Amino acid sequence: MNLINRSWAAIFAIVVASSAYAAPKGDASKRLDDFVRDLRSLQGEFRQVVRDAQGRKVEESSGVLALQRPNRFRWDYKEPHAQIIVADGAKLWLYDPDLEQVTVRKLDQSFAGTPAMLLSGEGDLSESFKIESGERKNGIEWLNLLPKHADSEFKRVRLGLRDTTLVAMELDDKLGQTTSLEFTHVQRNPSFDASRFVFAPPSGVDVIGDGDK
């Protein structure tokens, strides 16, 4: 899975009962509103698993994340390989230390038509997604977001909430691949130093992209 898809999963995240039941559909938008209301920042740890269309695990990773509205987040992959994704409010930076390469692009290009708008503080999510209540299981309430537009990268996005805490997320793409994220040690509205969301390419790395255009 490429870094841009991984960053969508990350910011949507940062940036979001043993028996299952279907809650009334009218409750879905309200639950989503309750989650994002007064949300200014977020931080926590994540574990990410990617499975192919046959359900086989093809990738597993973990790290830490931080988000500050609007349009700032940092996603640090620690295992199995270090990678850093930073949105500074204007640009999206993707740094792969192993490749000694940085990719940069305008933030609006990267967010357009993606679930990242949920926590970005920009745009109306209901214009791009149909929001439905899903199951409630093991204390987690699931919300289903179904894209309204055919050009979306995703077939479905699921948010798992415990009260107003985002604890899980699943993204199903058009190739049948599923990305699952579990979040722990989540803190709502922590304070960050401005430097947390600033990225300067290390000396000697290749910088690719059109972030300065």
C-alpha atoms as a PDB file:
ATOM      1  CA  MET A   1       0.000   0.000   0.000  1.00  0.00           C
ATOM      2  CA  ASN A   2       1.473   3.372  -0.956  1.00  0.00           C
ATOM      3  CA  LEU A   3       2.200   6.146   1.507  1.00  0.00           C
ATOM      4  CA  ILE A   4      -0.647   8.390   0.369  1.00  0.00           C
ATOM      5  CA  ASN A   5      -3.242   5.700   1.097  1.00  0.00           C
ATOM      6  CA  ARG A   6      -1.595   5.092   4.463  1.00  0.00           C
ATOM      7  CA  SER A   7      -1.769   8.785   5.292  1.00  0.00           C
ATOM      8  CA  TRP A   8      -5.494   8.856   4.504  1.00  0.00           C
ATOM      9  CA  ALA A   9      -5.976   6.108   6.993  1.00  0.00           C
ATOM     10  CA  ALA A  10      -3.854   7.907   9.519  1.00  0.00           C
ATOM     11  CA  ILE A  11      -5.397  11.377   9.499  1.00  0.00           C
ATOM     12  CA  PHE A  12      -8.904   9.980   9.375  1.00  0.00           C
ATOM     13  CA  ALA A  13      -7.983   8.220  12.341  1.00  0.00           C
ATOM     14  CA  ILE A  14      -6.257  11.081  14.116  1.00  0.00           C
ATOM     15  CA  VAL A  15      -7.073  12.218  13.355  1.00  0.00           C
ATOM     16  CA  VAL A  16     -12.054   9.222  14.936  1.00  0.00           C
ATOM     17  CA  ALA A  17     -21.929  -6.127  24.348  1.00  0.00           C
ATOM     18  CA  SER A  18     -21.028  -9.313  22.980  1.00  0.00           C
ATOM     19  CA  SER A  19     -24.035  -9.349  20.692  1.00  0.00           C
ATOM     20  CA  ALA A  20     -24.294  -6.979  17.736  1.00  0.00           C
ATOM     21  CA  TYR A  21     -27.246  -4.819  16.832  1.00  0.00           C
ATOM     22  CA  ALA A  22     -28.129  -2.227  14.214  1.00  0.00           C
ATOM     23  CA  ALA A  23     -28.821   1.198  15.730  1.00  0.00           C
ATOM     24  CA  PRO A  24     -31.455   3.472  14.163  1.00  0.00           C
ATOM     25  CA  LYS A  25     -29.968   5.126  11.093  1.00  0.00           C
ATOM     26  CA  GLY A  26     -31.009   8.561  12.285  1.00  0.00           C
ATOM     27  CA  ASP A  27     -28.465   8.289  15.098  1.00  0.00           C
ATOM     28  CA  ALA A  28     -25.412   7.936  12.850  1.00  0.00           C
ATOM     29  CA  SER A  29     -24.880  11.591  11.952  1.00  0.00           C
ATOM     30  CA  LYS A  30     -25.454  12.636  15.559  1.00  0.00           C
ATOM     31  CA  ARG A  31     -22.823  10.154  16.802  1.00  0.00           C
ATOM     32  CA  LEU A  32     -20.351  11.501  14.273  1.00  0.00           C
ATOM     33  CA  ASP A  33     -21.177  15.064  15.314  1.00  0.00           C
ATOM     34  CA  ASP A  34     -20.656  14.117  18.972  1.00  0.00           C
ATOM     35  CA  PHE A  35     -17.240  12.710  18.120  1.00  0.00           C
ATOM     36  CA  VAL A  36     -15.924  15.753  16.218  1.00  0.00           C
ATOM     37  CA  ARG A  37     -17.605  18.422  18.370  1.00  0.00           C
ATOM     38  CA  ASP A  38     -14.949  20.483  20.202  1.00  0.00           C
ATOM     39  CA  LEU A  39     -12.209  18.211  18.840  1.00  0.00           C
ATOM     40  CA  ARG A  40      -9.144  20.420  18.502  1.00  0.00           C
ATOM     41  CA  SER A  41      -6.327  17.871  18.709  1.00  0.00           C
ATOM     42  CA  LEU A  42      -5.660  14.180  19.216  1.00  0.00           C
ATOM     43  CA  GLN A  43      -2.737  11.884  19.901  1.00  0.00           C
ATOM     44  CA  GLY A  44      -2.216   8.183  20.496  1.00  0.00           C
ATOM     45  CA  GLU A  45      -0.581   4.968  19.359  1.00  0.00           C
ATOM     46  CA  PHE A  46      -1.734   2.756  16.494  1.00  0.00           C
ATOM     47  CA  ARG A  47      -1.426  -0.741  15.109  1.00  0.00           C
ATOM     48  CA  GLN A  48      -2.246  -1.152  11.418  1.00  0.00           C
ATOM     49  CA  VAL A  49      -2.965  -4.386   9.551  1.00  0.00           C
ATOM     50  CA  VAL A  50      -3.566  -4.672   5.804  1.00  0.00           C
ATOM     51  CA  ARG A  51      -5.280  -7.735   4.347  1.00  0.00           C
ATOM     52  CA  ASP A  52      -5.833  -8.669   0.708  1.00  0.00           C
ATOM     53  CA  ALA A  53      -9.137  -9.652  -0.906  1.00  0.00           C
ATOM     54  CA  GLN A  54      -8.704 -13.233   0.380  1.00  0.00           C
ATOM     55  CA  GLY A  55      -8.231 -12.038   3.969  1.00  0.00           C
ATOM     56  CA  ARG A  56      -4.509 -12.783   4.051  1.00  0.00           C
ATOM     57  CA  LYS A  57      -2.319 -10.415   6.051  1.00  0.00           C
ATOM     58  CA  VAL A  58       0.054  -8.605   3.705  1.00  0.00           C
ATOM     59  CA  GLU A  59       1.352  -5.844   5.956  1.00  0.00           C
ATOM     60  CA  GLU A  60       1.482  -4.975   9.646  1.00  0.00           C
ATOM     61  CA  SER A  61       2.895  -1.808  11.166  1.00  0.00           C
ATOM     62  CA  SER A  62       2.700   0.361  14.268  1.00  0.00           C
ATOM     63  CA  GLY A  63       3.641   3.779  15.540  1.00  0.00           C
ATOM     64  CA  VAL A  64       2.367   7.027  17.011  1.00  0.00           C
ATOM     65  CA  LEU A  65       0.167   9.809  15.686  1.00  0.00           C
ATOM     66  CA  ALA A  66      -0.734  13.401  16.487  1.00  0.00           C
ATOM     67  CA  LEU A  67      -3.350  15.710  14.986  1.00  0.00           C
ATOM     68  CA  GLN A  68      -4.236  19.357  15.371  1.00  0.00           C
ATOM     69  CA  ARG A  69      -7.120  21.010  13.582  1.00  0.00           C
ATOM     70  CA  PRO A  70      -7.175  22.421  11.045  1.00  0.00           C
ATOM     71  CA  ASN A  71      -5.007  20.516   8.592  1.00  0.00           C
ATOM     72  CA  ARG A  72      -2.051  19.528  10.751  1.00  0.00           C
ATOM     73  CA  PHE A  73      -1.020  15.999  11.643  1.00  0.00           C
ATOM     74  CA  ARG A  74       2.001  13.791  12.125  1.00  0.00           C
ATOM     75  CA  TRP A  75       2.027  10.027  11.586  1.00  0.00           C
ATOM     76  CA  ASP A  76       5.214   8.229  12.663  1.00  0.00           C
ATOM     77  CA  TYR A  77       5.593   4.594  11.635  1.00  0.00           C
ATOM     78  CA  LYS A  78       8.057   2.877  13.991  1.00  0.00           C
ATOM     79  CA  GLU A  79       7.747  -0.813  13.067  1.00  0.00           C
ATOM     80  CA  PRO A  80       8.682  -2.676  10.946  1.00  0.00           C
ATOM     81  CA  HIS A  81      10.157   0.281   9.015  1.00  0.00           C
ATOM     82  CA  ALA A  82      10.445   3.946   9.940  1.00  0.00           C
ATOM     83  CA  GLN A  83       8.324   6.318   7.849  1.00  0.00           C
ATOM     84  CA  ILE A  84       7.033   9.797   8.635  1.00  0.00           C
ATOM     85  CA  ILE A  85       3.969  11.606   7.250  1.00  0.00           C
ATOM     86  CA  VAL A  86       3.495  15.265   8.195  1.00  0.00           C
ATOM     87  CA  ALA A  87       0.795  17.754   7.192  1.00  0.00           C
ATOM     88  CA  ASP A  88       1.850  21.303   8.093  1.00  0.00           C
ATOM     89  CA  GLY A  89      -1.339  23.114   7.077  1.00  0.00           C
ATOM     90  CA  ALA A  90      -0.249  23.729   3.485  1.00  0.00           C
ATOM     91  CA  LYS A  91       1.784  20.710   2.370  1.00  0.00           C
ATOM     92  CA  LEU A  92       1.868  16.972   2.927  1.00  0.00           C
ATOM     93  CA  TRP A  93       5.355  15.529   3.486  1.00  0.00           C
ATOM     94  CA  LEU A  94       6.116  11.815   3.191  1.00  0.00           C
ATOM     95  CA  TYR A  95       9.589  10.747   4.307  1.00  0.00           C
ATOM     96  CA  ASP A  96      11.076   7.279   3.826  1.00  0.00           C
ATOM     97  CA  PRO A  97      14.475   7.122   5.585  1.00  0.00           C
ATOM     98  CA  ASP A  98      15.396   3.771   3.985  1.00  0.00           C
ATOM     99  CA  LEU A  99      14.932   5.219   0.494  1.00  0.00           C
ATOM    100  CA  GLU A 100      16.403   8.581   1.550  1.00  0.00           C
ATOM    101  CA  GLN A 101      13.456  10.156  -0.222  1.00  0.00           C
ATOM    102  CA  VAL A 102      10.849  12.820   0.597  1.00  0.00           C
ATOM    103  CA  THR A 103       7.643  13.267  -1.394  1.00  0.00           C
ATOM    104  CA  VAL A 104       5.791  16.572  -1.024  1.00  0.00           C
ATOM    105  CA  ARG A 105       2.496  17.770  -2.439  1.00  0.00           C
ATOM    106  CA  LYS A 106      -0.117  20.405  -1.791  1.00  0.00           C
ATOM    107  CA  LEU A 107      -2.381  19.454   1.058  1.00  0.00           C
ATOM    108  CA  ASP A 108      -5.554  20.237  -0.873  1.00  0.00           C
ATOM    109  CA  GLN A 109      -4.503  17.780  -3.604  1.00  0.00           C
ATOM    110  CA  SER A 110      -3.996  15.017  -1.070  1.00  0.00           C
ATOM    111  CA  PHE A 111      -7.253  15.595   0.825  1.00  0.00           C
ATOM    112  CA  ALA A 112      -9.632  16.003  -2.103  1.00  0.00           C
ATOM    113  CA  GLY A 113     -12.240  13.243  -2.143  1.00  0.00           C
ATOM    114  CA  THR A 114     -10.718  11.307   0.790  1.00  0.00           C
ATOM    115  CA  PRO A 115     -11.919  10.468   4.311  1.00  0.00           C
ATOM    116  CA  ALA A 116      -9.183  12.766   5.602  1.00  0.00           C
ATOM    117  CA  MET A 117     -11.712  15.592   5.500  1.00  0.00           C
ATOM    118  CA  LEU A 118     -13.357  14.105   8.618  1.00  0.00           C
ATOM    119  CA  LEU A 119     -10.745  15.457  11.014  1.00  0.00           C
ATOM    120  CA  SER A 120      -9.209  18.094   8.775  1.00  0.00           C
ATOM    121  CA  GLY A 121     -11.784  20.673   9.768  1.00  0.00           C
ATOM    122  CA  GLU A 122     -12.509  21.403   6.113  1.00  0.00           C
ATOM    123  CA  GLY A 123     -15.478  20.430   3.973  1.00  0.00           C
ATOM    124  CA  ASP A 124     -18.811  18.770   4.650  1.00  0.00           C
ATOM    125  CA  LEU A 125     -18.425  15.016   5.111  1.00  0.00           C
ATOM    126  CA  SER A 126     -22.086  14.347   4.294  1.00  0.00           C
ATOM    127  CA  GLU A 127     -21.533  15.718   0.784  1.00  0.00           C
ATOM    128  CA  SER A 128     -19.126  12.876  -0.003  1.00  0.00           C
ATOM    129  CA  PHE A 129     -20.344  10.059   2.266  1.00  0.00           C
ATOM    130  CA  LYS A 130     -23.616   8.473   3.275  1.00  0.00           C
ATOM    131  CA  ILE A 131     -23.375   8.001   7.047  1.00  0.00           C
ATOM    132  CA  GLU A 132     -25.073   4.974   8.614  1.00  0.00           C
ATOM    133  CA  SER A 133     -25.086   3.341  12.024  1.00  0.00           C
ATOM    134  CA  GLY A 134     -23.538  -0.123  12.142  1.00  0.00           C
ATOM    135  CA  GLU A 135     -23.231  -2.737  14.825  1.00  0.00           C
ATOM    136  CA  ARG A 136     -22.366  -2.316  18.480  1.00  0.00           C
ATOM    137  CA  LYS A 137     -20.085  -5.038  19.767  1.00  0.00           C
ATOM    138  CA  ASN A 138     -17.789  -5.403  22.776  1.00  0.00           C
ATOM    139  CA  GLY A 139     -18.549  -1.844  23.824  1.00  0.00           C
ATOM    140  CA  ILE A 140     -17.597  -0.374  20.429  1.00  0.00           C
ATOM    141  CA  GLU A 141     -20.156   1.405  18.251  1.00  0.00           C
ATOM    142  CA  TRP A 142     -19.424   1.306  14.517  1.00  0.00           C
ATOM    143  CA  LEU A 143     -20.350   3.987  11.993  1.00  0.00           C
ATOM    144  CA  ASN A 144     -20.341   3.182   8.269  1.00  0.00           C
ATOM    145  CA  LEU A 145     -19.349   5.847   5.743  1.00  0.00           C
ATOM    146  CA  LEU A 146     -20.285   4.948   2.170  1.00  0.00           C
ATOM    147  CA  PRO A 147     -18.867   7.112  -0.655  1.00  0.00           C
ATOM    148  CA  LYS A 148     -21.429   8.900  -2.800  1.00  0.00           C
ATOM    149  CA  HIS A 149     -19.031   9.449  -5.696  1.00  0.00           C
ATOM    150  CA  ALA A 150     -17.741   6.738  -8.027  1.00  0.00           C
ATOM    151  CA  ASP A 151     -14.197   8.144  -8.099  1.00  0.00           C
ATOM    152  CA  SER A 152     -13.625   7.533  -4.383  1.00  0.00           C
ATOM    153  CA  GLU A 153     -10.633   5.368  -3.452  1.00  0.00           C
ATOM    154  CA  PHE A 154     -12.779   3.501  -0.927  1.00  0.00           C
ATOM    155  CA  LYS A 155     -15.824   1.249  -1.023  1.00  0.00           C
ATOM    156  CA  ARG A 156     -16.487   1.764   2.679  1.00  0.00           C
ATOM    157  CA  VAL A 157     -14.972   3.372   5.751  1.00  0.00           C
ATOM    158  CA  ARG A 158     -15.898   2.203   9.274  1.00  0.00           C
ATOM    159  CA  LEU A 159     -15.251   4.134  12.480  1.00  0.00           C
ATOM    160  CA  GLY A 160     -15.234   2.360  15.833  1.00  0.00           C
ATOM    161  CA  LEU A 161     -16.129   4.632  18.770  1.00  0.00           C
ATOM    162  CA  ARG A 162     -16.199   4.012  22.500  1.00  0.00           C
ATOM    163  CA  ASP A 163     -18.126   7.003  23.861  1.00  0.00           C
ATOM    164  CA  THR A 164     -16.279   9.923  22.223  1.00  0.00           C
ATOM    165  CA  THR A 165     -12.975   8.072  21.779  1.00  0.00           C
ATOM    166  CA  LEU A 166     -11.902   6.703  18.399  1.00  0.00           C
ATOM    167  CA  VAL A 167     -10.595   3.174  19.064  1.00  0.00           C
ATOM    168  CA  ALA A 168     -10.674   1.533  15.628  1.00  0.00           C
ATOM    169  CA  MET A 169     -11.070   2.168  11.927  1.00  0.00           C
ATOM    170  CA  GLU A 170     -11.433   0.007   8.821  1.00  0.00           C
ATOM    171  CA  LEU A 171     -11.078   1.041   5.184  1.00  0.00           C
ATOM    172  CA  ASP A 172     -12.161  -1.196   2.293  1.00  0.00           C
ATOM    173  CA  ASP A 173     -10.692  -0.167  -1.053  1.00  0.00           C
ATOM    174  CA  LYS A 174     -11.856  -0.964  -4.567  1.00  0.00           C
ATOM    175  CA  LEU A 175      -9.295  -3.765  -4.989  1.00  0.00           C
ATOM    176  CA  GLY A 176     -10.761  -5.696  -2.065  1.00  0.00           C
ATOM    177  CA  GLN A 177      -7.953  -4.751   0.298  1.00  0.00           C
ATOM    178  CA  THR A 178      -8.868  -3.908   3.902  1.00  0.00           C
ATOM    179  CA  THR A 179      -6.820  -1.662   6.188  1.00  0.00           C
ATOM    180  CA  SER A 180      -7.630  -2.062   9.893  1.00  0.00           C
ATOM    181  CA  LEU A 181      -6.364   0.301  12.585  1.00  0.00           C
ATOM    182  CA  GLU A 182      -6.518  -0.082  16.359  1.00  0.00           C
ATOM    183  CA  PHE A 183      -5.802   2.944  18.548  1.00  0.00           C
ATOM    184  CA  THR A 184      -4.558   2.950  22.140  1.00  0.00           C
ATOM    185  CA  HIS A 185      -3.525   5.574  24.708  1.00  0.00           C
ATOM    186  CA  VAL A 186      -5.683   8.097  22.866  1.00  0.00           C
ATOM    187  CA  GLN A 187      -5.706  11.620  24.318  1.00  0.00           C
ATOM    188  CA  ARG A 188      -8.315  14.155  23.247  1.00  0.00           C
ATOM    189  CA  ASN A 189      -7.334  17.837  22.930  1.00  0.00           C
ATOM    190  CA  PRO A 190      -3.720  17.672  24.150  1.00  0.00           C
ATOM    191  CA  SER A 191      -1.475  20.729  23.678  1.00  0.00           C
ATOM    192  CA  PHE A 192       1.288  20.590  21.073  1.00  0.00           C
ATOM    193  CA  ASP A 193       4.269  22.763  20.329  1.00  0.00           C
ATOM    194  CA  ALA A 194       3.986  24.248  16.812  1.00  0.00           C
ATOM    195  CA  SER A 195       7.204  22.474  15.796  1.00  0.00           C
ATOM    196  CA  ARG A 196       5.423  19.115  16.094  1.00  0.00           C
ATOM    197  CA  PHE A 197       3.851  19.688  12.686  1.00  0.00           C
ATOM    198  CA  VAL A 198       6.841  21.201  10.894  1.00  0.00           C
ATOM    199  CA  PHE A 199       8.975  19.069   8.592  1.00  0.00           C
ATOM    200  CA  ALA A 200      12.337  19.970   7.057  1.00  0.00           C
ATOM    201  CA  PRO A 201      13.832  17.429   4.635  1.00  0.00           C
ATOM    202  CA  PRO A 202      17.128  16.019   5.983  1.00  0.00           C
ATOM    203  CA  SER A 203      20.257  17.043   4.158  1.00  0.00           C
ATOM    204  CA  GLY A 204      21.142  14.845   1.194  1.00  0.00           C
ATOM    205  CA  VAL A 205      17.722  13.213   0.595  1.00  0.00           C
ATOM    206  CA  ASP A 206      15.872  13.362  -2.719  1.00  0.00           C
ATOM    207  CA  VAL A 207      12.804  15.634  -2.645  1.00  0.00           C
ATOM    208  CA  ILE A 208      10.104  14.756  -5.171  1.00  0.00           C
ATOM    209  CA  GLY A 209       6.814  16.525  -5.848  1.00  0.00           C
ATOM    210  CA  ASP A 210       5.096  19.798  -6.524  1.00  0.00           C
ATOM    211  CA  GLY A 211       4.558  21.128  -3.029  1.00  0.00           C
ATOM    212  CA  ASP A 212       6.047  24.522  -3.968  1.00  0.00           C
ATOM    213  CA  LYS A 213       3.764  25.103  -6.940  1.00  0.00           C
END
